[in-house]
Amino acid sequence: MRRAALALLAGVLLTGCSTGADAVDVNNGGQFRYVAGTPRGEVIPPEERASAPEFSGTLLGGGEFVSTELDGDVAVLNFWGSWCPPCRVETPEFQEVYADVRDEGVEFVGINVKETSDQFAVAFVEKFGIEFPSVYDPRGEVALAFRDYPATAIPSTIVLDREGRVAAVYTAEVSQEDLRSTLDLVLAEGA
């Protein structure tokens, strides 16, 4: 029992978001709508989905990314940091899922947040052999675009349907099994 309580406390501390001096305050007093995390292996019913905000940014390694590149595909947006222990577990698992589903109309985009240097993020991506692109977002500007969703918890994962609507929201580490189950459900829509 004591071990479980300590593990829970450690998990809460590790999944919390730290803010640096250059971070954008995503709780800046605006009127925000909080969308609760989706239960594992479930998706938000299509009639209850809201459109995801558009965003853009610079990719790790150079180049620009615009979210409209995801139009017509199912997309997995993963907010991560090299400093985040759960990210070290789930990101390599996401790569395995990505390798299996990228030819089925599924795109993955990492959103690297709150890094003090892009060198840490690039080293992380290289270490784990991550092939999907990541937007470098040290100030949390993309997270701010998703202020209606709890993208300030790291890691957070948002699954978009083919119409660019939010189909699932996860505010903690997502297992490969749960991600595959969610993608199967979203891919089966309208098929």
N, C-alpha and C. Protein backbone atom coordinates (compact mmCIF):
# COMPACT_ATOMS: atom_id res chain seq x y z
N MET A 1 0.83 -1.19 0.00
CA MET A 1 0.00 0.00 0.00
C MET A 1 0.87 1.25 0.00
N ARG A 2 1.92 1.24 0.85
CA ARG A 2 2.80 2.40 0.92
C ARG A 2 3.53 2.60 -0.40
N ARG A 3 3.98 1.48 -1.01
CA ARG A 3 4.66 1.56 -2.31
C ARG A 3 3.75 2.15 -3.37
N ALA A 4 2.48 1.73 -3.36
CA ALA A 4 1.52 2.24 -4.34
C ALA A 4 1.31 3.74 -4.15
N ALA A 5 1.21 4.19 -2.91
CA ALA A 5 1.03 5.62 -2.65
C ALA A 5 2.25 6.41 -3.10
N LEU A 6 3.46 5.89 -2.83
CA LEU A 6 4.68 6.57 -3.27
C LEU A 6 4.77 6.60 -4.79
N ALA A 7 4.39 5.50 -5.44
CA ALA A 7 4.43 5.45 -6.90
C ALA A 7 3.44 6.46 -7.49
N LEU A 8 2.26 6.55 -6.88
CA LEU A 8 1.26 7.51 -7.36
C LEU A 8 1.76 8.94 -7.20
N LEU A 9 2.34 9.25 -6.04
CA LEU A 9 2.89 10.58 -5.81
C LEU A 9 4.00 10.89 -6.80
N ALA A 10 4.89 9.94 -7.03
CA ALA A 10 5.97 10.15 -7.99
C ALA A 10 5.41 10.37 -9.39
N GLY A 11 4.39 9.62 -9.76
CA GLY A 11 3.78 9.78 -11.08
C GLY A 11 3.16 11.14 -11.26
N VAL A 12 2.49 11.63 -10.22
CA VAL A 12 1.88 12.96 -10.29
C VAL A 12 2.97 14.03 -10.44
N LEU A 13 4.03 13.89 -9.68
CA LEU A 13 5.12 14.87 -9.77
C LEU A 13 5.80 14.83 -11.12
N LEU A 14 6.01 13.64 -11.67
CA LEU A 14 6.72 13.51 -12.93
C LEU A 14 5.89 13.95 -14.13
N THR A 15 4.57 13.79 -14.08
CA THR A 15 3.76 14.16 -15.23
C THR A 15 3.36 15.62 -15.20
N GLY A 16 3.66 16.31 -14.11
CA GLY A 16 3.34 17.73 -14.05
C GLY A 16 4.25 18.51 -14.98
N CYS A 17 3.81 19.65 -15.34
CA CYS A 17 4.53 20.50 -16.29
C CYS A 17 5.37 21.48 -15.52
N SER A 18 6.65 21.63 -15.91
CA SER A 18 7.47 22.68 -15.34
C SER A 18 7.51 23.83 -16.31
N THR A 19 7.62 25.02 -15.78
CA THR A 19 7.66 26.17 -16.67
C THR A 19 8.98 26.88 -16.52
N GLY A 20 9.55 27.25 -17.64
CA GLY A 20 10.78 28.02 -17.65
C GLY A 20 10.46 29.49 -17.77
N ALA A 21 11.49 30.31 -17.68
CA ALA A 21 11.31 31.75 -17.73
C ALA A 21 10.73 32.20 -19.07
N ASP A 22 11.03 31.49 -20.15
CA ASP A 22 10.56 31.88 -21.47
C ASP A 22 9.25 31.23 -21.86
N ALA A 23 8.66 30.45 -20.98
CA ALA A 23 7.44 29.73 -21.32
C ALA A 23 6.25 30.68 -21.42
N VAL A 24 5.35 30.36 -22.31
CA VAL A 24 4.11 31.12 -22.43
C VAL A 24 3.18 30.65 -21.32
N ASP A 25 2.57 31.56 -20.62
CA ASP A 25 1.64 31.20 -19.55
C ASP A 25 0.32 30.76 -20.17
N VAL A 26 0.07 29.45 -20.15
CA VAL A 26 -1.15 28.94 -20.76
C VAL A 26 -2.36 29.11 -19.85
N ASN A 27 -2.14 29.56 -18.63
CA ASN A 27 -3.24 29.84 -17.71
C ASN A 27 -3.30 31.34 -17.47
N ASN A 28 -3.36 32.10 -18.54
CA ASN A 28 -3.22 33.55 -18.45
C ASN A 28 -4.51 34.30 -18.18
N GLY A 29 -5.47 33.66 -17.56
CA GLY A 29 -6.67 34.36 -17.15
C GLY A 29 -7.79 34.37 -18.16
N GLY A 30 -7.60 33.76 -19.31
CA GLY A 30 -8.65 33.73 -20.32
C GLY A 30 -9.77 32.78 -19.92
N GLN A 31 -10.82 32.81 -20.68
CA GLN A 31 -11.94 31.92 -20.44
C GLN A 31 -11.69 30.62 -21.19
N PHE A 32 -11.24 29.60 -20.50
CA PHE A 32 -10.89 28.34 -21.14
C PHE A 32 -11.93 27.28 -20.83
N ARG A 33 -12.09 26.38 -21.78
CA ARG A 33 -12.98 25.23 -21.63
C ARG A 33 -12.10 24.02 -21.41
N TYR A 34 -12.24 23.33 -20.29
CA TYR A 34 -11.44 22.15 -20.00
C TYR A 34 -12.13 20.91 -20.54
N VAL A 35 -11.42 20.13 -21.32
CA VAL A 35 -11.94 18.87 -21.83
C VAL A 35 -11.25 17.76 -21.06
N ALA A 36 -12.00 16.96 -20.37
CA ALA A 36 -11.44 15.89 -19.55
C ALA A 36 -10.73 14.87 -20.43
N GLY A 37 -9.76 14.19 -19.85
CA GLY A 37 -9.07 13.13 -20.56
C GLY A 37 -10.02 12.02 -20.95
N THR A 38 -9.75 11.40 -22.08
CA THR A 38 -10.58 10.31 -22.58
C THR A 38 -10.19 9.02 -21.89
N PRO A 39 -11.16 8.21 -21.45
CA PRO A 39 -10.80 6.91 -20.86
C PRO A 39 -10.02 6.06 -21.86
N ARG A 40 -9.15 5.24 -21.34
CA ARG A 40 -8.31 4.38 -22.18
C ARG A 40 -9.15 3.56 -23.14
N GLY A 41 -8.70 3.50 -24.39
CA GLY A 41 -9.36 2.67 -25.38
C GLY A 41 -10.71 3.19 -25.85
N GLU A 42 -11.02 4.44 -25.54
CA GLU A 42 -12.28 5.03 -25.97
C GLU A 42 -12.00 6.29 -26.76
N VAL A 43 -12.98 6.72 -27.52
CA VAL A 43 -12.87 7.97 -28.26
C VAL A 43 -14.08 8.84 -27.96
N ILE A 44 -13.94 10.13 -28.22
CA ILE A 44 -15.05 11.06 -28.07
C ILE A 44 -16.03 10.78 -29.21
N PRO A 45 -17.32 10.64 -28.93
CA PRO A 45 -18.29 10.41 -30.01
C PRO A 45 -18.19 11.51 -31.07
N PRO A 46 -18.27 11.15 -32.35
CA PRO A 46 -18.10 12.15 -33.42
C PRO A 46 -18.97 13.39 -33.28
N GLU A 47 -20.20 13.23 -32.82
CA GLU A 47 -21.10 14.39 -32.70
C GLU A 47 -20.69 15.33 -31.57
N GLU A 48 -19.78 14.90 -30.69
CA GLU A 48 -19.33 15.74 -29.57
C GLU A 48 -17.94 16.33 -29.79
N ARG A 49 -17.34 16.06 -30.93
CA ARG A 49 -15.97 16.51 -31.19
C ARG A 49 -15.92 17.96 -31.63
N ALA A 50 -14.87 18.65 -31.19
CA ALA A 50 -14.61 20.02 -31.60
C ALA A 50 -13.39 20.03 -32.52
N SER A 51 -13.35 20.99 -33.42
CA SER A 51 -12.21 21.14 -34.32
C SER A 51 -10.96 21.51 -33.53
N ALA A 52 -9.85 20.92 -33.90
CA ALA A 52 -8.58 21.25 -33.27
C ALA A 52 -8.12 22.61 -33.79
N PRO A 53 -7.41 23.36 -32.98
CA PRO A 53 -6.88 24.63 -33.47
C PRO A 53 -5.77 24.40 -34.49
N GLU A 54 -5.63 25.34 -35.41
CA GLU A 54 -4.51 25.26 -36.34
C GLU A 54 -3.26 25.76 -35.63
N PHE A 55 -2.11 25.21 -36.01
CA PHE A 55 -0.85 25.64 -35.41
C PHE A 55 0.26 25.46 -36.44
N SER A 56 1.38 26.07 -36.15
CA SER A 56 2.55 25.93 -37.01
C SER A 56 3.79 26.10 -36.16
N GLY A 57 4.93 25.75 -36.74
CA GLY A 57 6.17 25.91 -36.01
C GLY A 57 7.35 25.38 -36.78
N THR A 58 8.51 25.53 -36.18
CA THR A 58 9.75 25.05 -36.78
C THR A 58 10.00 23.62 -36.32
N LEU A 59 10.34 22.77 -37.28
CA LEU A 59 10.64 21.37 -36.97
C LEU A 59 12.05 21.23 -36.40
N LEU A 60 12.22 20.24 -35.53
CA LEU A 60 13.57 19.90 -35.09
C LEU A 60 14.36 19.53 -36.34
N GLY A 61 15.54 20.03 -36.47
CA GLY A 61 16.35 19.73 -37.64
C GLY A 61 16.10 20.69 -38.79
N GLY A 62 15.14 21.62 -38.64
CA GLY A 62 14.88 22.62 -39.66
C GLY A 62 13.62 22.36 -40.45
N GLY A 63 13.17 23.37 -41.12
CA GLY A 63 11.93 23.30 -41.89
C GLY A 63 10.76 23.78 -41.07
N GLU A 64 9.69 24.06 -41.77
CA GLU A 64 8.48 24.56 -41.12
C GLU A 64 7.38 23.51 -41.20
N PHE A 65 6.49 23.54 -40.23
CA PHE A 65 5.34 22.65 -40.20
C PHE A 65 4.08 23.48 -40.02
N VAL A 66 3.04 23.13 -40.76
CA VAL A 66 1.73 23.76 -40.63
C VAL A 66 0.72 22.63 -40.45
N SER A 67 -0.15 22.76 -39.48
CA SER A 67 -1.08 21.68 -39.14
C SER A 67 -2.01 21.31 -40.28
N THR A 68 -2.20 22.19 -41.25
CA THR A 68 -3.06 21.84 -42.38
C THR A 68 -2.47 20.69 -43.20
N GLU A 69 -1.19 20.37 -42.99
CA GLU A 69 -0.57 19.21 -43.64
C GLU A 69 -1.23 17.91 -43.19
N LEU A 70 -1.95 17.95 -42.08
CA LEU A 70 -2.60 16.76 -41.53
C LEU A 70 -4.00 16.54 -42.10
N ASP A 71 -4.50 17.50 -42.87
CA ASP A 71 -5.87 17.42 -43.39
C ASP A 71 -6.12 16.09 -44.10
N GLY A 72 -7.23 15.45 -43.73
CA GLY A 72 -7.64 14.20 -44.36
C GLY A 72 -7.05 12.95 -43.74
N ASP A 73 -6.10 13.12 -42.82
CA ASP A 73 -5.48 11.97 -42.15
C ASP A 73 -5.89 11.95 -40.68
N VAL A 74 -5.81 10.78 -40.08
CA VAL A 74 -5.89 10.67 -38.63
C VAL A 74 -4.53 11.12 -38.12
N ALA A 75 -4.50 11.88 -37.04
CA ALA A 75 -3.23 12.41 -36.55
C ALA A 75 -3.09 12.18 -35.05
N VAL A 76 -1.86 11.91 -34.64
CA VAL A 76 -1.50 11.77 -33.23
C VAL A 76 -0.55 12.91 -32.91
N LEU A 77 -0.97 13.80 -32.01
CA LEU A 77 -0.12 14.89 -31.55
C LEU A 77 0.36 14.54 -30.15
N ASN A 78 1.66 14.48 -29.98
CA ASN A 78 2.22 14.11 -28.69
C ASN A 78 3.09 15.24 -28.16
N PHE A 79 2.68 15.82 -27.03
CA PHE A 79 3.43 16.87 -26.37
C PHE A 79 4.43 16.21 -25.44
N TRP A 80 5.73 16.45 -25.66
CA TRP A 80 6.77 15.73 -24.95
C TRP A 80 7.98 16.63 -24.65
N GLY A 81 8.84 16.13 -23.78
CA GLY A 81 10.11 16.79 -23.49
C GLY A 81 11.16 15.74 -23.19
N SER A 82 12.39 16.02 -23.54
CA SER A 82 13.46 15.05 -23.27
C SER A 82 13.70 14.88 -21.78
N TRP A 83 13.28 15.85 -21.00
CA TRP A 83 13.44 15.85 -19.55
C TRP A 83 12.34 15.06 -18.85
N CYS A 84 11.38 14.54 -19.59
CA CYS A 84 10.17 13.90 -19.05
C CYS A 84 10.35 12.37 -19.01
N PRO A 85 10.46 11.76 -17.80
CA PRO A 85 10.64 10.31 -17.72
C PRO A 85 9.56 9.49 -18.43
N PRO A 86 8.25 9.80 -18.30
CA PRO A 86 7.26 9.00 -19.03
C PRO A 86 7.44 9.10 -20.55
N CYS A 87 7.96 10.24 -21.02
CA CYS A 87 8.18 10.39 -22.47
C CYS A 87 9.24 9.42 -22.97
N ARG A 88 10.21 9.11 -22.13
CA ARG A 88 11.27 8.17 -22.50
C ARG A 88 10.71 6.76 -22.69
N VAL A 89 9.58 6.49 -22.06
CA VAL A 89 8.93 5.18 -22.21
C VAL A 89 8.00 5.19 -23.42
N GLU A 90 7.13 6.19 -23.51
CA GLU A 90 6.10 6.15 -24.55
C GLU A 90 6.59 6.55 -25.93
N THR A 91 7.56 7.43 -26.06
CA THR A 91 7.98 7.89 -27.38
C THR A 91 8.53 6.75 -28.24
N PRO A 92 9.40 5.87 -27.73
CA PRO A 92 9.82 4.74 -28.56
C PRO A 92 8.65 3.82 -28.92
N GLU A 93 7.66 3.68 -28.03
CA GLU A 93 6.47 2.88 -28.35
C GLU A 93 5.65 3.56 -29.44
N PHE A 94 5.57 4.89 -29.39
CA PHE A 94 4.87 5.62 -30.44
C PHE A 94 5.54 5.39 -31.78
N GLN A 95 6.88 5.34 -31.80
CA GLN A 95 7.60 5.08 -33.04
C GLN A 95 7.21 3.72 -33.61
N GLU A 96 7.07 2.72 -32.76
CA GLU A 96 6.65 1.38 -33.22
C GLU A 96 5.26 1.43 -33.84
N VAL A 97 4.34 2.13 -33.19
CA VAL A 97 2.98 2.26 -33.73
C VAL A 97 3.02 3.02 -35.05
N TYR A 98 3.76 4.12 -35.08
CA TYR A 98 3.89 4.92 -36.29
C TYR A 98 4.40 4.09 -37.47
N ALA A 99 5.41 3.28 -37.22
CA ALA A 99 5.97 2.43 -38.28
C ALA A 99 4.91 1.48 -38.84
N ASP A 100 3.99 1.04 -37.99
CA ASP A 100 2.95 0.10 -38.42
C ASP A 100 1.77 0.76 -39.12
N VAL A 101 1.48 2.03 -38.80
CA VAL A 101 0.25 2.65 -39.31
C VAL A 101 0.45 3.82 -40.27
N ARG A 102 1.68 4.23 -40.49
CA ARG A 102 1.90 5.43 -41.32
C ARG A 102 1.39 5.27 -42.75
N ASP A 103 1.31 4.03 -43.25
CA ASP A 103 0.80 3.80 -44.59
C ASP A 103 -0.72 3.64 -44.63
N GLU A 104 -1.37 3.79 -43.47
CA GLU A 104 -2.83 3.67 -43.37
C GLU A 104 -3.51 5.03 -43.21
N GLY A 105 -2.78 6.11 -43.48
CA GLY A 105 -3.37 7.45 -43.34
C GLY A 105 -3.31 7.98 -41.93
N VAL A 106 -2.28 7.61 -41.19
CA VAL A 106 -2.09 8.11 -39.83
C VAL A 106 -0.76 8.87 -39.78
N GLU A 107 -0.83 10.10 -39.32
CA GLU A 107 0.35 10.95 -39.15
C GLU A 107 0.63 11.12 -37.66
N PHE A 108 1.90 11.18 -37.31
CA PHE A 108 2.32 11.49 -35.95
C PHE A 108 3.11 12.79 -36.01
N VAL A 109 2.88 13.66 -35.03
CA VAL A 109 3.66 14.88 -34.89
C VAL A 109 3.96 15.06 -33.40
N GLY A 110 5.23 15.14 -33.09
CA GLY A 110 5.63 15.47 -31.73
C GLY A 110 5.64 16.97 -31.56
N ILE A 111 5.32 17.41 -30.36
CA ILE A 111 5.41 18.82 -30.01
C ILE A 111 6.37 18.88 -28.82
N ASN A 112 7.61 19.25 -29.09
CA ASN A 112 8.64 19.29 -28.06
C ASN A 112 8.53 20.60 -27.30
N VAL A 113 8.22 20.51 -26.01
CA VAL A 113 7.96 21.71 -25.21
C VAL A 113 8.96 21.87 -24.08
N LYS A 114 9.16 23.13 -23.75
CA LYS A 114 9.90 23.53 -22.55
C LYS A 114 11.32 22.99 -22.48
N GLU A 115 11.97 22.87 -23.62
CA GLU A 115 13.39 22.49 -23.65
C GLU A 115 14.24 23.75 -23.54
N THR A 116 15.36 23.66 -22.86
CA THR A 116 16.26 24.80 -22.77
C THR A 116 17.12 24.93 -24.02
N SER A 117 17.22 23.85 -24.80
CA SER A 117 17.98 23.86 -26.05
C SER A 117 17.43 22.79 -26.97
N ASP A 118 17.34 23.10 -28.26
CA ASP A 118 16.87 22.09 -29.20
C ASP A 118 17.85 20.92 -29.32
N GLN A 119 19.09 21.11 -28.86
CA GLN A 119 20.08 20.02 -28.91
C GLN A 119 19.64 18.84 -28.04
N PHE A 120 19.00 19.12 -26.91
CA PHE A 120 18.50 18.04 -26.06
C PHE A 120 17.41 17.26 -26.78
N ALA A 121 16.53 17.97 -27.44
CA ALA A 121 15.44 17.32 -28.17
C ALA A 121 15.96 16.51 -29.35
N VAL A 122 16.91 17.06 -30.09
CA VAL A 122 17.49 16.34 -31.23
C VAL A 122 18.20 15.08 -30.75
N ALA A 123 18.95 15.17 -29.65
CA ALA A 123 19.63 14.00 -29.10
C ALA A 123 18.63 12.93 -28.68
N PHE A 124 17.50 13.33 -28.09
CA PHE A 124 16.45 12.41 -27.68
C PHE A 124 15.89 11.67 -28.89
N VAL A 125 15.55 12.42 -29.94
CA VAL A 125 14.98 11.84 -31.16
C VAL A 125 15.97 10.86 -31.79
N GLU A 126 17.23 11.23 -31.85
CA GLU A 126 18.25 10.35 -32.43
C GLU A 126 18.46 9.09 -31.58
N LYS A 127 18.51 9.27 -30.27
CA LYS A 127 18.73 8.13 -29.37
C LYS A 127 17.65 7.06 -29.54
N PHE A 128 16.39 7.50 -29.68
CA PHE A 128 15.28 6.55 -29.77
C PHE A 128 14.86 6.23 -31.21
N GLY A 129 15.57 6.75 -32.19
CA GLY A 129 15.27 6.44 -33.59
C GLY A 129 13.88 6.90 -34.02
N ILE A 130 13.47 8.08 -33.58
CA ILE A 130 12.14 8.60 -33.89
C ILE A 130 12.14 9.16 -35.31
N GLU A 131 11.23 8.64 -36.13
CA GLU A 131 11.16 9.04 -37.54
C GLU A 131 10.09 10.08 -37.83
N PHE A 132 9.10 10.20 -36.96
CA PHE A 132 8.06 11.20 -37.23
C PHE A 132 8.55 12.58 -36.80
N PRO A 133 8.03 13.63 -37.44
CA PRO A 133 8.52 14.98 -37.16
C PRO A 133 8.09 15.49 -35.79
N SER A 134 8.89 16.42 -35.27
CA SER A 134 8.55 17.11 -34.03
C SER A 134 8.74 18.59 -34.22
N VAL A 135 7.76 19.34 -33.77
CA VAL A 135 7.83 20.79 -33.76
C VAL A 135 8.56 21.20 -32.48
N TYR A 136 9.54 22.08 -32.62
CA TYR A 136 10.27 22.60 -31.47
C TYR A 136 9.50 23.79 -30.92
N ASP A 137 8.97 23.66 -29.70
CA ASP A 137 8.06 24.64 -29.11
C ASP A 137 8.51 24.99 -27.68
N PRO A 138 9.71 25.58 -27.53
CA PRO A 138 10.24 25.79 -26.18
C PRO A 138 9.42 26.75 -25.33
N ARG A 139 8.69 27.66 -25.94
CA ARG A 139 7.87 28.62 -25.19
C ARG A 139 6.45 28.14 -24.94
N GLY A 140 6.09 26.98 -25.46
CA GLY A 140 4.75 26.45 -25.23
C GLY A 140 3.66 27.13 -26.03
N GLU A 141 4.01 27.70 -27.18
CA GLU A 141 3.02 28.42 -27.99
C GLU A 141 2.00 27.47 -28.62
N VAL A 142 2.42 26.27 -29.02
CA VAL A 142 1.45 25.31 -29.56
C VAL A 142 0.55 24.81 -28.44
N ALA A 143 1.13 24.58 -27.26
CA ALA A 143 0.31 24.19 -26.11
C ALA A 143 -0.74 25.27 -25.82
N LEU A 144 -0.37 26.54 -26.00
CA LEU A 144 -1.32 27.62 -25.80
C LEU A 144 -2.46 27.54 -26.82
N ALA A 145 -2.16 27.15 -28.05
CA ALA A 145 -3.21 26.98 -29.06
C ALA A 145 -4.20 25.90 -28.63
N PHE A 146 -3.72 24.93 -27.86
CA PHE A 146 -4.57 23.83 -27.38
C PHE A 146 -5.03 24.07 -25.94
N ARG A 147 -5.22 25.33 -25.57
CA ARG A 147 -5.57 25.66 -24.18
C ARG A 147 -6.91 25.09 -23.74
N ASP A 148 -7.76 24.73 -24.70
CA ASP A 148 -9.04 24.10 -24.33
C ASP A 148 -8.87 22.63 -23.98
N TYR A 149 -7.69 22.12 -24.18
CA TYR A 149 -7.37 20.72 -23.88
C TYR A 149 -6.19 20.74 -22.91
N PRO A 150 -6.03 19.73 -22.11
CA PRO A 150 -4.98 19.77 -21.08
C PRO A 150 -3.59 19.44 -21.63
N ALA A 151 -3.16 20.15 -22.67
CA ALA A 151 -1.86 19.87 -23.28
C ALA A 151 -0.70 20.43 -22.46
N THR A 152 -0.99 21.03 -21.32
CA THR A 152 0.09 21.54 -20.48
C THR A 152 0.68 20.46 -19.60
N ALA A 153 0.01 19.34 -19.44
CA ALA A 153 0.58 18.20 -18.72
C ALA A 153 1.48 17.46 -19.71
N ILE A 154 2.66 17.14 -19.28
CA ILE A 154 3.61 16.47 -20.17
C ILE A 154 3.89 15.09 -19.61
N PRO A 155 3.70 14.02 -20.36
CA PRO A 155 3.24 14.02 -21.75
C PRO A 155 1.71 14.16 -21.85
N SER A 156 1.28 14.69 -22.95
CA SER A 156 -0.13 14.71 -23.34
C SER A 156 -0.20 14.25 -24.78
N THR A 157 -1.28 13.56 -25.11
CA THR A 157 -1.45 13.07 -26.47
C THR A 157 -2.87 13.39 -26.91
N ILE A 158 -3.00 13.94 -28.11
CA ILE A 158 -4.29 14.29 -28.68
C ILE A 158 -4.41 13.58 -30.02
N VAL A 159 -5.48 12.82 -30.20
CA VAL A 159 -5.73 12.12 -31.46
C VAL A 159 -6.80 12.90 -32.23
N LEU A 160 -6.49 13.21 -33.49
CA LEU A 160 -7.44 13.92 -34.35
C LEU A 160 -8.01 12.97 -35.38
N ASP A 161 -9.29 13.15 -35.69
CA ASP A 161 -9.89 12.34 -36.74
C ASP A 161 -9.57 12.93 -38.11
N ARG A 162 -10.08 12.32 -39.16
CA ARG A 162 -9.78 12.77 -40.53
C ARG A 162 -10.31 14.17 -40.83
N GLU A 163 -11.26 14.63 -40.04
CA GLU A 163 -11.83 15.96 -40.23
C GLU A 163 -11.15 17.01 -39.36
N GLY A 164 -10.05 16.63 -38.70
CA GLY A 164 -9.32 17.58 -37.87
C GLY A 164 -9.98 17.88 -36.55
N ARG A 165 -10.85 16.98 -36.10
CA ARG A 165 -11.53 17.16 -34.82
C ARG A 165 -10.84 16.31 -33.76
N VAL A 166 -10.90 16.77 -32.52
CA VAL A 166 -10.28 16.06 -31.41
C VAL A 166 -11.11 14.82 -31.08
N ALA A 167 -10.52 13.64 -31.30
CA ALA A 167 -11.20 12.37 -31.08
C ALA A 167 -10.83 11.73 -29.74
N ALA A 168 -9.67 12.09 -29.20
CA ALA A 168 -9.24 11.53 -27.92
C ALA A 168 -8.18 12.44 -27.32
N VAL A 169 -8.16 12.50 -25.98
CA VAL A 169 -7.21 13.32 -25.24
C VAL A 169 -6.65 12.48 -24.09
N TYR A 170 -5.33 12.40 -24.00
CA TYR A 170 -4.68 11.66 -22.92
C TYR A 170 -3.70 12.58 -22.21
N THR A 171 -3.80 12.66 -20.90
CA THR A 171 -2.97 13.58 -20.12
C THR A 171 -1.93 12.86 -19.28
N ALA A 172 -1.51 11.74 -19.73
CA ALA A 172 -0.46 10.97 -19.06
C ALA A 172 0.14 10.03 -20.11
N GLU A 173 1.08 9.23 -19.69
CA GLU A 173 1.71 8.26 -20.58
C GLU A 173 0.64 7.36 -21.19
N VAL A 174 0.73 7.12 -22.49
CA VAL A 174 -0.22 6.26 -23.19
C VAL A 174 0.52 5.00 -23.61
N SER A 175 -0.04 3.84 -23.28
CA SER A 175 0.60 2.59 -23.68
C SER A 175 0.37 2.35 -25.17
N GLN A 176 1.26 1.58 -25.75
CA GLN A 176 1.15 1.22 -27.15
C GLN A 176 -0.19 0.55 -27.43
N GLU A 177 -0.62 -0.32 -26.53
CA GLU A 177 -1.89 -1.03 -26.69
C GLU A 177 -3.08 -0.06 -26.72
N ASP A 178 -3.08 0.90 -25.80
CA ASP A 178 -4.17 1.89 -25.77
C ASP A 178 -4.18 2.75 -27.02
N LEU A 179 -2.99 3.17 -27.47
CA LEU A 179 -2.92 4.00 -28.66
C LEU A 179 -3.41 3.23 -29.88
N ARG A 180 -2.98 1.98 -30.01
CA ARG A 180 -3.43 1.16 -31.15
C ARG A 180 -4.95 0.98 -31.14
N SER A 181 -5.51 0.74 -29.97
CA SER A 181 -6.96 0.56 -29.84
C SER A 181 -7.70 1.82 -30.27
N THR A 182 -7.23 2.97 -29.81
CA THR A 182 -7.85 4.24 -30.17
C THR A 182 -7.74 4.50 -31.67
N LEU A 183 -6.57 4.26 -32.24
CA LEU A 183 -6.39 4.47 -33.68
C LEU A 183 -7.28 3.53 -34.49
N ASP A 184 -7.41 2.30 -34.04
CA ASP A 184 -8.31 1.36 -34.74
C ASP A 184 -9.73 1.90 -34.78
N LEU A 185 -10.20 2.44 -33.67
CA LEU A 185 -11.56 2.99 -33.60
C LEU A 185 -11.72 4.18 -34.54
N VAL A 186 -10.76 5.09 -34.53
CA VAL A 186 -10.86 6.29 -35.35
C VAL A 186 -10.70 5.96 -36.83
N LEU A 187 -9.79 5.03 -37.14
CA LEU A 187 -9.61 4.63 -38.54
C LEU A 187 -10.84 3.93 -39.10
N ALA A 188 -11.58 3.23 -38.24
CA ALA A 188 -12.77 2.49 -38.70
C ALA A 188 -13.94 3.42 -39.01
N GLU A 189 -13.90 4.65 -38.53
CA GLU A 189 -14.98 5.59 -38.80
C GLU A 189 -15.04 5.95 -40.28
N GLY A 190 -16.19 5.82 -40.84
CA GLY A 190 -16.38 6.18 -42.23
C GLY A 190 -15.66 5.29 -43.22
N ALA A 191 -15.16 4.17 -42.75
CA ALA A 191 -14.43 3.26 -43.64
C ALA A 191 -15.38 2.39 -44.43
